[in-house]
Protein backbone atom coordinates (compact mmCIF):
# COMPACT_ATOMS: atom_id res chain seq x y z
CA MET A 1 0.33 0.03 0.08
CA LYS A 2 1.61 2.99 -1.12
CA TYR A 3 1.72 6.44 1.52
CA THR A 4 -1.51 8.51 0.85
CA GLU A 5 -1.23 11.01 3.83
CA TYR A 6 -0.04 13.90 1.44
CA LEU A 7 -2.34 13.75 -1.00
CA THR A 8 -2.29 16.37 -4.38
CA THR A 9 -4.07 19.97 -2.84
CA PHE A 10 -4.18 23.35 -4.78
CA ALA A 11 -5.32 25.61 -1.67
CA ALA A 12 -4.22 28.71 -1.05
CA VAL A 13 -2.14 28.86 2.34
CA THR A 14 0.39 30.86 2.35
CA LEU A 15 3.09 30.32 4.99
CA SER A 16 6.53 31.47 5.01
CA LEU A 17 7.60 29.05 2.84
CA SER A 18 8.22 30.14 -0.74
CA PHE A 19 9.58 28.03 -3.62
CA VAL A 20 11.72 27.70 -6.76
CA GLY A 21 11.74 26.54 -10.06
CA CYS A 22 13.73 24.07 -11.97
CA GLY A 23 14.71 23.64 -15.51
CA GLY A 24 14.58 27.83 -16.05
CA ASP A 25 11.09 28.26 -14.39
CA SER A 26 12.08 31.74 -11.39
CA LYS A 27 12.57 30.45 -8.17
CA SER A 28 11.35 32.23 -5.14
CA GLU A 29 11.63 29.33 -1.91
CA ALA A 30 13.21 29.01 0.35
CA PRO A 31 13.58 24.86 1.72
CA ALA A 32 11.09 23.25 3.41
CA ALA A 33 13.13 22.80 7.10
CA ASP A 34 13.36 19.12 7.09
CA ALA A 35 13.31 17.63 4.13
CA SER A 36 12.62 13.99 6.35
CA GLN A 37 8.94 15.39 5.40
CA PRO A 38 6.57 16.54 2.74
CA ALA A 39 6.75 19.78 1.78
CA THR A 40 3.25 22.01 2.10
CA SER A 41 1.80 23.81 -0.90
CA GLN A 42 1.98 27.39 0.65
CA SER A 43 2.39 29.97 -1.86
CA ALA A 44 0.07 32.67 -2.79
CA PRO A 45 -1.55 32.52 -5.44
CA ALA A 46 -1.09 34.19 -8.28
CA SER A 47 -4.42 35.82 -9.71
CA SER A 48 -4.63 37.94 -6.33
CA SER A 49 -2.97 40.09 -8.37
CA GLY A 50 -5.77 39.77 -10.98
CA SER A 51 -3.49 38.38 -13.33
CA GLY A 52 -6.41 34.95 -14.56
CA THR A 53 -3.09 33.08 -13.17
CA MET A 54 -1.92 31.10 -9.82
CA VAL A 55 0.71 29.50 -8.59
CA LEU A 56 0.53 25.58 -9.46
CA LYS A 57 1.16 23.43 -6.41
CA THR A 58 1.63 20.08 -5.19
CA GLU A 59 3.25 17.84 -2.61
CA ILE A 60 6.58 17.78 -2.54
CA PRO A 61 7.33 13.81 -1.11
CA PRO A 62 10.66 14.38 1.74
CA GLU A 63 14.13 13.42 0.75
CA GLN A 64 14.85 9.44 0.53
CA ILE A 65 18.16 9.11 -0.94
CA GLU A 66 19.70 5.50 -0.33
CA GLY A 67 22.36 3.27 -1.37
CA THR A 68 25.01 4.39 -3.06
CA PRO A 69 25.48 6.97 -5.68
CA MET A 70 26.31 6.25 -9.38
CA PRO A 71 27.94 8.71 -10.76
CA VAL A 72 26.14 10.31 -13.75
CA LYS A 73 27.77 11.67 -16.77
CA ILE A 74 25.22 12.90 -19.67
CA PRO A 75 26.09 15.36 -21.63
CA ASN A 76 24.49 19.01 -21.00
CA LEU A 77 23.24 17.57 -17.64
CA GLU A 78 20.87 19.80 -15.69
CA ALA A 79 21.64 19.65 -11.51
CA ALA A 80 18.63 18.73 -9.12
CA PRO A 81 17.08 21.53 -8.12
CA GLY A 82 17.29 22.30 -3.93
CA THR A 83 13.75 23.60 -4.20
CA THR A 84 11.01 23.37 -5.60
CA PRO A 85 9.65 24.45 -9.27
CA THR A 86 6.80 26.79 -9.13
CA ILE A 87 5.36 28.21 -12.43
CA ASN A 88 2.53 29.86 -12.64
CA VAL A 89 -1.09 28.25 -14.49
CA PRO A 90 -4.08 29.86 -15.64
CA GLU A 91 -6.99 30.25 -12.63
CA GLY A 92 -9.18 26.50 -12.80
CA THR A 93 -6.20 24.90 -13.04
CA VAL A 94 -6.81 21.11 -11.79
CA LEU A 95 -5.18 17.97 -10.93
CA LEU A 96 -6.96 15.91 -13.87
CA SER A 97 -5.00 12.83 -13.68
CA LYS A 98 -5.27 11.53 -10.21
CA GLY A 99 -6.53 7.52 -10.60
CA LYS A 100 -6.69 8.03 -13.96
CA PRO A 101 -6.14 4.68 -16.07
CA VAL A 102 -2.91 3.89 -16.73
CA THR A 103 -1.05 1.39 -20.14
CA GLY A 104 2.29 0.71 -20.81
CA SER A 105 4.25 -0.64 -23.47
CA ASP A 106 5.41 -2.96 -20.39
CA ASP A 107 1.92 -5.42 -19.55
CA PHE A 108 3.72 -6.97 -16.90
CA PRO A 109 6.03 -4.53 -14.66
CA ILE A 110 8.70 -5.88 -13.32
CA VAL A 111 7.80 -4.07 -9.61
CA GLY A 112 4.60 -2.57 -8.09
CA GLU A 113 1.70 -2.29 -10.86
CA LEU A 114 0.90 0.47 -13.76
CA ALA A 115 -1.59 2.70 -11.15
CA TYR A 116 1.24 4.02 -8.90
CA ILE A 117 1.80 6.03 -11.49
CA THR A 118 -1.73 8.00 -10.36
CA ASP A 119 -2.63 7.20 -7.24
CA GLY A 120 -1.37 10.38 -5.03
CA ASP A 121 1.65 8.56 -3.43
CA LYS A 122 4.87 9.61 -4.63
CA LEU A 123 7.73 8.39 -2.15
CA ALA A 124 10.14 7.09 -3.42
CA GLY A 125 11.00 3.43 -1.31
CA GLU A 126 9.90 -0.32 -2.00
CA GLY A 127 6.16 -0.53 -3.01
CA TYR A 128 6.24 3.14 -4.57
CA PHE A 129 7.44 2.85 -7.58
CA VAL A 130 6.84 0.75 -10.61
CA GLU A 131 9.56 -0.93 -12.66
CA LEU A 132 9.59 -1.67 -15.98
CA MET A 133 11.43 -3.47 -18.34
CA ASP A 134 14.75 -2.56 -20.00
CA GLY A 135 14.84 -1.06 -23.80
CA LEU A 136 12.72 1.94 -24.56
CA GLN A 137 9.20 2.21 -22.60
CA TRP A 138 6.28 3.84 -22.12
CA VAL A 139 3.73 4.69 -19.67
CA GLN A 140 0.01 6.46 -20.73
CA ILE A 141 -2.66 7.82 -19.10
CA ASP A 142 -5.86 8.54 -19.74
CA LEU A 143 -7.31 11.83 -18.28
CA GLY A 144 -11.27 10.54 -19.67
CA GLN A 145 -11.92 13.22 -22.05
CA PRO A 146 -10.35 16.00 -24.03
CA SER A 147 -8.89 18.60 -21.63
CA THR A 148 -6.62 21.73 -21.66
CA ILE A 149 -2.92 20.86 -20.54
CA TYR A 150 -1.34 23.49 -18.67
CA ALA A 151 1.85 21.76 -16.91
CA ILE A 152 3.09 18.13 -16.76
CA TRP A 153 4.53 16.86 -13.05
CA LEU A 154 6.75 13.67 -13.29
CA TRP A 155 8.60 11.64 -10.43
CA HIS A 156 10.87 8.61 -11.97
CA TYR A 157 12.76 7.08 -8.96
CA HIS A 158 14.21 10.41 -5.88
CA SER A 159 15.72 8.02 -3.97
CA GLN A 160 19.06 8.18 -6.31
CA ARG A 161 20.46 10.90 -7.55
CA ARG A 162 20.66 9.55 -11.11
CA ALA A 163 18.95 10.89 -14.35
CA TYR A 164 16.70 8.71 -16.88
CA ASN A 165 17.25 8.46 -19.96
CA ASP A 166 15.38 9.54 -23.52
CA VAL A 167 12.49 11.05 -22.00
CA ILE A 168 9.91 11.96 -24.14
CA VAL A 169 6.51 13.55 -22.84
CA GLN A 170 3.36 14.11 -25.48
CA ILE A 171 0.21 14.60 -25.99
CA SER A 172 -2.29 13.33 -28.95
CA ASN A 173 -6.17 12.91 -28.80
CA ASP A 174 -5.55 9.60 -30.60
CA ALA A 175 -4.89 6.84 -28.38
CA GLU A 176 -2.08 5.26 -30.60
CA PHE A 177 -0.50 8.71 -30.50
CA LYS A 178 -0.34 7.83 -34.57
CA SER A 179 -1.95 11.84 -35.24
CA ASP A 180 -2.46 14.65 -33.85
CA VAL A 181 0.37 14.55 -31.32
CA THR A 182 2.10 16.74 -29.38
CA THR A 183 5.40 16.58 -28.36
CA LEU A 184 6.18 18.27 -25.12
CA PHE A 185 10.13 17.72 -23.53
CA ASN A 186 11.88 15.55 -25.65
CA ASN A 187 15.87 14.86 -23.78
CA ASP A 188 16.63 12.41 -26.38
CA TYR A 189 20.15 14.55 -27.89
CA ASP A 190 21.23 12.11 -29.70
CA ASN A 191 18.45 10.29 -31.07
CA SER A 192 18.86 6.34 -30.06
CA GLY A 193 15.08 5.90 -29.36
CA GLY A 194 14.34 6.77 -32.76
CA MET A 195 11.99 9.34 -32.11
CA GLY A 196 13.92 12.29 -33.23
CA GLN A 197 16.83 14.46 -31.48
CA GLY A 198 15.15 15.92 -28.39
CA SER A 199 16.23 19.57 -27.36
CA ASP A 200 15.69 19.83 -23.99
CA LYS A 201 18.16 18.90 -21.49
CA PRO A 202 19.14 15.79 -19.35
CA TYR A 203 17.70 16.13 -15.42
CA VAL A 204 19.16 14.75 -12.81
CA GLU A 205 15.64 13.33 -10.45
CA SER A 206 15.06 14.57 -7.16
CA ARG A 207 11.81 14.61 -4.80
CA TYR A 208 11.61 17.85 -6.18
CA GLY A 209 10.08 16.13 -9.52
CA LYS A 210 10.66 17.81 -13.23
CA LEU A 211 7.83 20.38 -14.06
CA ILE A 212 6.52 21.22 -17.61
CA SER A 213 5.18 23.80 -18.51
CA VAL A 214 2.88 23.09 -21.29
CA ASP A 215 0.89 26.04 -22.97
CA GLY A 216 -3.08 25.22 -23.00
CA VAL A 217 -2.61 22.41 -25.39
CA LYS A 218 -5.90 20.27 -25.63
CA GLY A 219 -5.32 16.10 -25.90
CA GLN A 220 -6.49 12.92 -24.51
CA TYR A 221 -3.76 11.15 -23.62
CA VAL A 222 0.20 12.02 -22.20
CA ARG A 223 2.35 8.87 -22.87
CA LEU A 224 6.34 8.73 -21.22
CA TYR A 225 9.66 7.21 -22.76
CA SER A 226 12.25 6.76 -21.42
CA ALA A 227 15.18 3.48 -21.81
CA GLY A 228 17.40 3.38 -18.47
CA ASN A 229 18.93 5.15 -16.79
CA THR A 230 22.34 6.04 -15.39
CA SER A 231 22.38 3.46 -12.37
CA ASN A 232 21.59 0.89 -14.70
CA ASP A 233 19.05 -0.18 -17.24
CA MET A 234 15.60 -0.16 -15.92
CA ASN A 235 12.53 2.36 -16.32
CA HIS A 236 10.88 3.66 -13.15
CA TYR A 237 7.82 5.77 -12.41
CA ILE A 238 6.53 6.68 -8.95
CA GLU A 239 4.07 9.33 -10.30
CA VAL A 240 3.65 11.70 -12.80
CA GLU A 241 0.49 14.70 -12.67
CA VAL A 242 -1.08 16.41 -15.22
CA PHE A 243 -2.71 19.75 -14.51
CA GLY A 244 -5.16 21.53 -16.71
CA LYS A 245 -9.26 22.45 -17.08
CA PRO A 246 -11.30 19.08 -18.27
């Protein structure tokens, strides 16, 4: 049973912490006081200024580093963030993916269940992640209806500093991804996955996850690819959150 005590929330809570972005996003948060505990969402929504937007918030899992660190040798590597990434999204944006069905290229995960990916639990220990076989693999979330998507927040595996290879994130209204496909993120810098060379940077996993800003792309399905990581050949997911408007 995965950890269930910290749920994703958009409640506007004004506390003393403020968040800092990764991947080029603006940063304005002091680190959580205790990394062993989940960080709470707290930034005041930007909508208070009448901009029509709000700060996207989620629950950040506690730090849980285990094992011997492995060297991460990838060109143009983006370091792990030290604080929570922050972006603004339109007012009324909600979490669309919680509890939604997940399918994948590997029907029989080596560890865990595909349903873990949308259950809201983000801990990194045993029993909280799903492990797929080696090679280029994908998982896919069905939002249940065409939606306008403003952000995707994902955690592959954060109990060890590592980078996943060929991370590609796409949206489509076609469940087979044969048409109407929009690529949101692609760090396959050498096209080893055969889906086209990407310009996004490889990044180091952390408890803060990877936040991808999306410019209101419409679609029902979100597909995420990877091809092993810098520690081993397997593919892992703890949680994927899709934010938007149905």
